[in-house]
Protein backbone atom coordinates (compact mmCIF):
# COMPACT_ATOMS: atom_id res chain seq x y z
CA MET A 1 -11.33 -12.79 -51.65
CA SER A 2 -10.76 -9.61 -49.67
CA THR A 3 -12.46 -8.29 -46.54
CA GLN A 4 -12.07 -4.90 -44.89
CA ALA A 5 -13.10 -4.32 -41.28
CA ASN A 6 -13.49 -0.93 -39.64
CA ARG A 7 -13.75 0.21 -36.05
CA ALA A 8 -13.26 3.68 -34.60
CA SER A 9 -13.70 5.40 -31.25
CA ASN A 10 -13.90 9.12 -30.63
CA VAL A 11 -13.86 10.93 -27.28
CA THR A 12 -14.46 14.69 -27.31
CA GLN A 13 -14.66 17.01 -24.32
CA GLN A 14 -15.64 20.66 -24.40
CA HIS A 15 -15.82 23.14 -21.53
CA ALA A 16 -16.82 26.79 -21.80
CA ILE A 17 -17.49 29.80 -19.60
CA GLY A 18 -18.87 33.14 -20.70
CA ALA A 19 -20.49 36.39 -19.60
CA ARG A 20 -22.76 39.15 -20.91
CA TRP A 21 -22.88 42.76 -19.74
CA ASN A 22 -25.20 45.62 -20.61
CA ALA A 23 -22.50 48.20 -20.00
CA SER A 24 -24.56 51.33 -20.69
CA GLN A 25 -27.49 52.59 -22.72
CA GLY A 26 -27.07 51.01 -26.15
CA LEU A 27 -23.78 49.22 -25.37
CA ARG A 28 -23.77 45.43 -24.92
CA LEU A 29 -20.66 43.31 -24.32
CA SER A 30 -20.10 39.54 -24.19
CA THR A 31 -17.15 37.18 -23.85
CA GLU A 32 -16.51 33.42 -23.82
CA LEU A 33 -13.58 31.10 -23.18
CA ALA A 34 -13.78 27.51 -24.45
CA ARG A 35 -11.51 24.46 -24.29
CA THR A 36 -11.93 21.41 -26.54
CA LEU A 37 -10.06 18.08 -26.45
CA SER A 38 -10.54 15.23 -28.90
CA ASP A 39 -9.00 11.76 -29.34
CA TYR A 40 -9.75 9.49 -32.28
CA ASP A 41 -8.53 5.89 -32.60
CA TRP A 42 -9.22 3.78 -35.66
CA GLN A 43 -8.57 0.29 -37.04
CA ASN A 44 -8.92 -0.89 -40.62
CA PRO A 45 -7.43 -4.40 -41.08
CA ILE A 46 -7.73 -5.86 -44.59
CA LEU A 47 -7.31 -9.59 -45.18
CA ASP A 48 -6.93 -11.21 -48.61
CA THR A 49 -7.44 -14.92 -49.23
CA LEU A 50 -6.77 -17.02 -52.33
CA THR A 51 -8.18 -20.06 -54.09
CA ASN A 52 -7.64 -21.68 -57.49
CA MET A 53 -10.76 -22.56 -59.48
CA PRO A 54 -10.21 -25.24 -62.15
CA ASN A 55 -12.97 -23.96 -64.43
CA SER A 56 -14.86 -20.73 -65.03
CA VAL A 57 -17.55 -19.93 -67.58
CA VAL A 58 -18.38 -16.36 -68.61
CA THR A 59 -21.61 -15.64 -70.47
CA THR A 60 -21.75 -12.10 -71.80
CA ASN A 61 -25.42 -11.98 -72.84
CA ALA A 62 -27.22 -13.36 -69.79
CA GLY A 63 -30.09 -11.07 -68.79
CA GLY A 64 -28.42 -8.00 -70.23
CA GLY A 65 -25.12 -8.50 -68.40
CA ALA A 66 -22.21 -10.82 -67.76
CA ASN A 67 -22.80 -14.10 -65.92
CA VAL A 68 -19.83 -15.87 -64.29
CA SER A 69 -19.96 -19.39 -62.88
CA TYR A 70 -17.23 -21.67 -61.47
CA SER A 71 -16.90 -25.43 -61.33
CA GLY A 72 -14.37 -28.04 -60.29
CA GLN A 73 -14.51 -27.36 -56.54
CA ASP A 74 -16.83 -25.85 -53.95
CA ILE A 75 -16.41 -22.06 -53.93
CA THR A 76 -18.14 -21.84 -50.52
CA ASN A 77 -15.86 -24.37 -48.76
CA PRO A 78 -13.22 -22.66 -46.53
CA ALA A 79 -10.96 -25.72 -46.91
CA ASN A 80 -10.30 -24.61 -50.50
CA TYR A 81 -8.90 -21.20 -49.46
CA ARG A 82 -5.58 -20.08 -48.01
CA LEU A 83 -4.36 -16.89 -46.37
CA ASP A 84 -2.69 -14.48 -48.81
CA GLN A 85 -1.80 -11.12 -47.20
CA LEU A 86 -2.76 -8.79 -44.36
CA PHE A 87 -2.88 -4.99 -44.38
CA ASP A 88 -2.58 -4.19 -40.67
CA ARG A 89 -3.85 -0.59 -40.57
CA TYR A 90 -4.54 1.48 -37.46
CA GLY A 91 -3.82 4.95 -36.14
CA HIS A 92 -4.42 7.67 -33.56
CA ASP A 93 -5.33 11.35 -33.88
CA HIS A 94 -5.39 13.97 -31.14
CA GLY A 95 -6.63 17.54 -31.27
CA ALA A 96 -7.00 20.41 -28.82
CA SER A 97 -8.27 23.95 -29.08
CA THR A 98 -8.45 26.94 -26.74
CA ASP A 99 -10.75 29.71 -28.00
CA TRP A 100 -11.47 33.15 -26.58
CA ARG A 101 -13.75 35.82 -27.97
CA VAL A 102 -15.09 39.22 -26.94
CA ASP A 103 -17.89 41.01 -28.81
CA GLY A 104 -19.60 44.34 -28.47
CA THR A 105 -22.59 46.11 -30.03
CA TYR A 106 -23.41 49.81 -29.79
CA THR A 107 -26.85 50.98 -30.94
CA MET A 108 -27.20 54.66 -31.82
CA ALA A 109 -29.67 56.59 -29.68
CA ASP A 110 -30.77 58.69 -32.67
CA GLU A 111 -30.88 56.67 -35.86
CA GLY A 112 -29.37 58.43 -38.82
CA PHE A 113 -27.11 57.02 -41.51
CA PHE A 114 -25.47 54.76 -38.92
CA LYS A 115 -27.82 52.40 -37.05
CA ASP A 116 -25.42 50.40 -34.89
CA PHE A 117 -21.81 49.27 -34.66
CA GLY A 118 -20.36 45.84 -33.90
CA PHE A 119 -16.80 45.06 -32.89
CA GLY A 120 -14.81 42.25 -31.36
CA ALA A 121 -11.66 40.21 -31.05
CA ARG A 122 -10.78 36.55 -31.36
CA ALA A 123 -7.80 34.49 -30.21
CA ASN A 124 -7.37 30.75 -30.43
CA LYS A 125 -4.69 28.11 -30.24
CA ARG A 126 -5.20 24.82 -32.07
CA THR A 127 -2.96 21.77 -31.92
CA ALA A 128 -3.21 18.50 -33.79
CA ALA A 129 -1.12 15.32 -33.86
CA SER A 130 -1.55 12.20 -35.97
CA ILE A 131 0.26 8.92 -36.55
CA LYS A 132 -0.64 5.61 -38.16
CA SER A 133 0.90 2.22 -38.83
CA PHE A 134 3.15 1.50 -41.79
CA GLU A 135 1.10 1.02 -44.95
CA GLY A 136 1.51 -1.98 -47.23
CA SER A 137 0.85 -5.65 -46.66
CA VAL A 138 2.57 -8.66 -45.11
CA LEU A 139 2.41 -11.87 -47.16
CA ALA A 140 1.27 -15.02 -45.39
CA PRO A 141 3.42 -18.18 -45.48
CA ASP A 142 2.58 -20.50 -48.36
CA GLY A 143 -0.25 -22.96 -47.86
CA VAL A 144 -1.78 -21.67 -44.59
CA SER A 145 -5.45 -22.65 -44.76
CA VAL A 146 -8.11 -20.25 -43.54
CA THR A 147 -9.51 -23.15 -41.50
CA THR A 148 -6.73 -22.54 -38.95
CA LEU A 149 -8.96 -19.62 -37.87
CA PRO A 150 -12.44 -21.23 -37.65
CA GLY A 151 -14.28 -18.06 -36.61
CA LEU A 152 -12.94 -16.25 -39.66
CA ASN A 153 -15.00 -18.20 -42.14
CA CYS A 154 -18.42 -17.16 -43.42
CA THR A 155 -20.35 -17.20 -46.69
CA ALA A 156 -21.37 -14.13 -48.67
CA ASN A 157 -24.53 -14.11 -50.77
CA MET A 158 -25.16 -12.12 -53.95
CA GLN A 159 -28.46 -10.23 -53.97
CA ASN A 160 -28.89 -10.79 -57.71
CA ASN A 161 -28.00 -13.86 -59.73
CA TRP A 162 -24.91 -13.13 -61.83
CA GLY A 163 -23.92 -16.77 -62.10
CA THR A 164 -22.23 -17.03 -58.70
CA THR A 165 -24.82 -16.66 -55.94
CA SER A 166 -22.60 -17.33 -52.89
CA TRP A 167 -18.94 -17.83 -52.03
CA TYR A 168 -16.54 -17.98 -49.10
CA THR A 169 -15.22 -14.72 -47.69
CA PRO A 170 -13.38 -13.73 -44.49
CA CYS A 171 -15.77 -12.53 -41.77
CA ALA A 172 -15.33 -8.80 -41.02
CA SER A 173 -16.62 -9.02 -37.43
CA TYR A 174 -14.11 -11.76 -36.59
CA LEU A 175 -11.30 -9.85 -38.31
CA ILE A 176 -11.87 -6.69 -36.26
CA SER A 177 -12.48 -8.50 -32.95
CA ASN A 178 -9.62 -10.99 -33.29
CA THR A 179 -7.02 -9.00 -35.21
CA ALA A 180 -4.22 -10.31 -32.99
CA ASP A 181 -5.06 -13.94 -33.92
CA VAL A 182 -5.12 -13.07 -37.63
CA ARG A 183 -1.78 -11.26 -37.29
CA LYS A 184 -0.22 -14.32 -35.68
CA ALA A 185 -1.51 -16.63 -38.43
CA VAL A 186 -0.09 -14.36 -41.15
CA THR A 187 3.07 -12.92 -39.58
CA GLY A 188 3.84 -15.30 -36.72
CA SER A 189 3.34 -12.54 -34.13
CA SER A 190 0.20 -11.08 -32.55
CA THR A 191 1.91 -7.68 -32.24
CA GLY A 192 0.56 -4.97 -34.52
CA LYS A 193 2.58 -3.43 -37.31
CA ALA A 194 4.91 -0.68 -36.10
CA LEU A 195 3.82 2.94 -36.21
CA ASP A 196 5.25 4.84 -39.18
CA PRO A 197 7.34 7.89 -38.16
CA GLY A 198 6.85 9.23 -41.68
CA SER A 199 3.09 9.53 -41.12
CA PHE A 200 3.52 11.54 -37.92
CA PHE A 201 2.79 15.24 -37.75
CA ALA A 202 2.25 17.65 -34.86
CA ASP A 203 1.01 21.12 -35.75
CA GLU A 204 0.29 24.20 -33.67
CA GLU A 205 -1.65 27.16 -35.02
CA LYS A 206 -2.35 30.47 -33.25
CA ASN A 207 -4.99 32.78 -34.72
CA TYR A 208 -5.73 36.36 -33.77
CA ALA A 209 -8.49 38.49 -35.26
CA LEU A 210 -10.08 41.93 -34.91
CA TYR A 211 -13.31 42.90 -36.60
CA GLY A 212 -15.61 45.86 -36.89
CA LYS A 213 -18.91 46.38 -38.70
CA ALA A 214 -21.44 49.15 -39.15
CA HIS A 215 -25.15 48.82 -39.91
CA VAL A 216 -26.19 51.68 -42.19
CA GLY A 217 -29.43 52.81 -43.80
CA TRP A 218 -30.81 55.62 -45.94
CA GLU A 219 -33.34 56.46 -48.64
CA SER A 220 -32.53 57.21 -52.27
CA ALA A 221 -35.30 58.40 -54.62
CA GLY A 222 -37.81 57.10 -52.10
CA ILE A 223 -36.21 53.62 -52.00
CA PRO A 224 -35.17 52.36 -48.53
CA ILE A 225 -31.62 50.96 -48.57
CA ASP A 226 -29.82 49.32 -45.69
CA GLY A 227 -26.58 47.41 -45.43
CA VAL A 228 -23.64 46.26 -43.37
CA LEU A 229 -20.03 47.37 -43.92
CA GLY A 230 -17.33 45.32 -42.24
CA MET A 231 -13.62 44.59 -41.96
CA ARG A 232 -11.85 41.64 -40.36
CA ILE A 233 -8.08 41.49 -39.79
CA THR A 234 -6.57 38.09 -39.04
CA LYS A 235 -3.04 37.00 -38.13
CA THR A 236 -1.95 33.35 -38.06
CA ASP A 237 1.28 31.89 -36.65
CA SER A 238 2.00 28.23 -37.40
CA ASP A 239 4.58 25.72 -36.19
CA LEU A 240 4.61 22.45 -38.15
CA LEU A 241 6.57 19.31 -37.25
CA GLY A 242 6.95 16.03 -39.15
CA ASN A 243 9.51 13.40 -40.16
CA SER A 244 11.23 12.74 -43.48
CA GLN A 245 13.61 10.03 -44.66
CA VAL A 246 17.21 11.09 -45.22
CA GLY A 247 19.66 8.34 -46.12
CA GLY A 248 17.20 5.68 -45.00
CA ALA A 249 16.68 7.21 -41.54
CA TYR A 250 13.83 9.38 -40.29
CA VAL A 251 14.82 12.88 -39.21
CA PRO A 252 12.57 15.62 -37.78
CA THR A 253 11.59 18.40 -40.15
CA SER A 254 9.82 21.59 -39.14
CA LYS A 255 8.38 24.75 -40.63
CA THR A 256 7.37 28.05 -39.04
CA SER A 257 5.18 30.57 -40.85
CA SER A 258 3.15 33.69 -40.21
CA ASP A 259 0.67 35.64 -42.33
CA THR A 260 -1.81 38.49 -42.00
CA ALA A 261 -5.00 38.92 -44.04
CA TYR A 262 -7.48 41.79 -44.46
CA LEU A 263 -11.04 40.68 -45.22
CA PRO A 264 -13.47 43.48 -46.13
CA SER A 265 -17.18 42.90 -46.78
CA ALA A 266 -20.24 44.93 -47.76
CA ASN A 267 -23.88 43.85 -48.03
CA PHE A 268 -26.79 46.00 -49.25
CA LYS A 269 -30.54 45.52 -49.57
CA ALA A 270 -32.84 47.85 -51.52
CA SER A 271 -36.63 47.53 -51.09
CA LEU A 272 -37.67 48.60 -54.60
CA ARG A 273 -41.30 47.78 -53.80
CA GLN A 274 -43.08 46.07 -50.97
CA ASP A 275 -42.78 42.80 -52.90
CA VAL A 276 -39.50 43.39 -54.81
CA ILE A 277 -36.06 43.38 -53.14
CA ALA A 278 -32.62 43.85 -54.70
CA ARG A 279 -29.51 42.58 -52.92
CA PHE A 280 -25.80 43.07 -53.56
CA SER A 281 -22.74 41.89 -51.65
CA VAL A 282 -18.98 41.97 -52.09
CA SER A 283 -16.46 40.26 -49.82
CA LYS A 284 -13.07 38.63 -49.54
CA THR A 285 -12.83 35.26 -47.80
CA LEU A 286 -10.12 32.72 -47.05
CA THR A 287 -9.92 29.04 -46.12
CA ARG A 288 -6.82 27.66 -44.44
CA PRO A 289 -5.33 24.26 -45.39
CA ASP A 290 -6.03 21.27 -43.17
CA PHE A 291 -3.26 20.26 -40.77
CA ALA A 292 -2.68 17.04 -42.73
CA GLN A 293 -2.18 19.05 -45.94
CA LEU A 294 0.56 21.05 -44.19
CA ASN A 295 2.45 17.97 -42.94
CA PRO A 296 6.15 18.68 -43.69
CA GLY A 297 7.07 14.96 -43.48
CA THR A 298 6.79 12.12 -46.01
CA ALA A 299 5.50 8.57 -45.47
CA TYR A 300 6.63 5.74 -47.76
CA VAL A 301 4.95 2.46 -48.74
CA ASN A 302 7.31 -0.27 -49.92
CA ALA A 303 6.33 -2.68 -52.69
CA ASN A 304 5.66 -6.28 -51.66
CA GLY A 305 6.48 -7.79 -55.04
CA THR A 306 2.87 -8.74 -55.85
CA THR A 307 -0.12 -6.43 -55.42
CA VAL A 308 1.36 -3.43 -53.57
CA GLN A 309 3.33 -0.79 -55.48
CA ALA A 310 5.84 1.58 -53.92
CA THR A 311 4.26 4.96 -53.12
CA ALA A 312 4.92 8.02 -50.98
CA SER A 313 2.65 10.65 -49.46
CA GLY A 314 3.13 13.91 -47.64
CA GLY A 315 1.94 17.47 -47.28
CA ASN A 316 3.28 20.88 -48.22
CA PRO A 317 4.15 23.22 -45.32
CA ASP A 318 4.40 26.16 -47.74
CA LEU A 319 0.70 26.07 -48.68
CA LYS A 320 -1.03 29.44 -48.44
CA PRO A 321 -4.69 30.02 -47.55
CA PHE A 322 -7.22 29.58 -50.34
CA THR A 323 -8.73 33.03 -50.98
CA ALA A 324 -11.73 34.28 -52.91
CA ARG A 325 -13.15 37.63 -53.98
CA ASN A 326 -16.92 37.30 -54.12
CA TYR A 327 -19.45 39.47 -55.95
CA ASP A 328 -23.13 38.53 -55.65
CA GLY A 329 -26.33 40.23 -56.74
CA SER A 330 -29.97 39.19 -56.86
CA LEU A 331 -33.44 40.52 -57.67
CA GLU A 332 -36.29 38.89 -55.73
CA TRP A 333 -40.04 39.11 -56.39
CA TYR A 334 -42.36 37.85 -53.64
CA PHE A 335 -45.56 37.43 -55.66
CA SER A 336 -47.49 35.65 -52.87
CA SER A 337 -47.16 34.67 -49.23
CA THR A 338 -45.92 31.23 -50.32
CA GLY A 339 -44.03 31.94 -53.54
CA MET A 340 -41.17 33.94 -54.98
CA ALA A 341 -39.07 34.25 -58.14
CA SER A 342 -35.48 35.43 -58.20
CA LEU A 343 -32.68 36.24 -60.62
CA ALA A 344 -29.10 36.00 -59.35
CA LEU A 345 -25.73 36.98 -60.78
CA PHE A 346 -22.36 36.22 -59.22
CA ARG A 347 -18.64 36.32 -59.84
CA HIS A 348 -16.13 34.53 -57.60
CA GLU A 349 -12.39 34.96 -58.18
CA PHE A 350 -10.40 32.15 -56.55
CA LYS A 351 -6.68 32.13 -55.78
CA GLY A 352 -4.49 29.43 -54.27
CA TYR A 353 -6.74 26.43 -54.94
CA ILE A 354 -5.26 23.37 -53.19
CA GLN A 355 -5.16 20.12 -55.16
CA SER A 356 -4.07 16.69 -53.97
CA LYS A 357 -2.24 14.46 -56.46
CA TRP A 358 -2.11 10.68 -56.24
């Protein structure tokens, strides 16, 4: 039998200060500075127990499904079970962000082709660090009964009758509240498993952006058309730090990168009739990889000779942002105050899709 227990705590603080200013006729400015701190601690111990049942009967046509029953000893009696292995999993994540923005809007006094202009700048610094315990399990000594931990033992009940209606299982609430006692019973020590240097990463990312947009409008063949034309320029500088194994020892590994992207956009709306609207938009967008996906280090899980196979996991510090060119169009008919029908066409061209392999 196997039981997983989960507990997590998260503390987030955010502080911000900002200002707005009507600088002159038609010109409005605003700015804001924000600071965010976050800490996340988690535990996920997993305990496996074993028993040997002398007899089992499987009926494959009972009520439209399989029915399994056991005999020869009491499947609900903790005295018939022994400790098998413990996965002592826990970790800590920390993040921080400093964000500054300034925005402006200028509205034309005499509306012509151009209605108003928007502009602004962004700058932020994000940091993230993460580490967790070594993965894999520790096998318990042979013959250690679960009754050595009385609070651990409870009985699970099946909602439906599939032959076995109840059985012994480790109690999740005891496992999470008394993890040190379970560790000592399995490993001989109440100390948690060591933190894995291979799982550690500490990343810093600085982003800078400038943007401008113009609200335009005109008539063509008696059809009112309005839209927004925009451009955003972004620059990102990244410093990535992790650990990798070289010759059986962990050594720091780092990666520094920088990239600049130009992201144009255009959106138009044509009022063909009072109840019929056509829309069209074209844009380029990007999504940056998560910090964990950029981890330059590698964490290893050693086989335990029974149920745990040797594996390794890590990120790729050379990942580029996931980009898309987007083309969208729609025709909308508002046939009543509570109903509409629409026809939409789109084409999205993706580049740099990020895939995780296991």
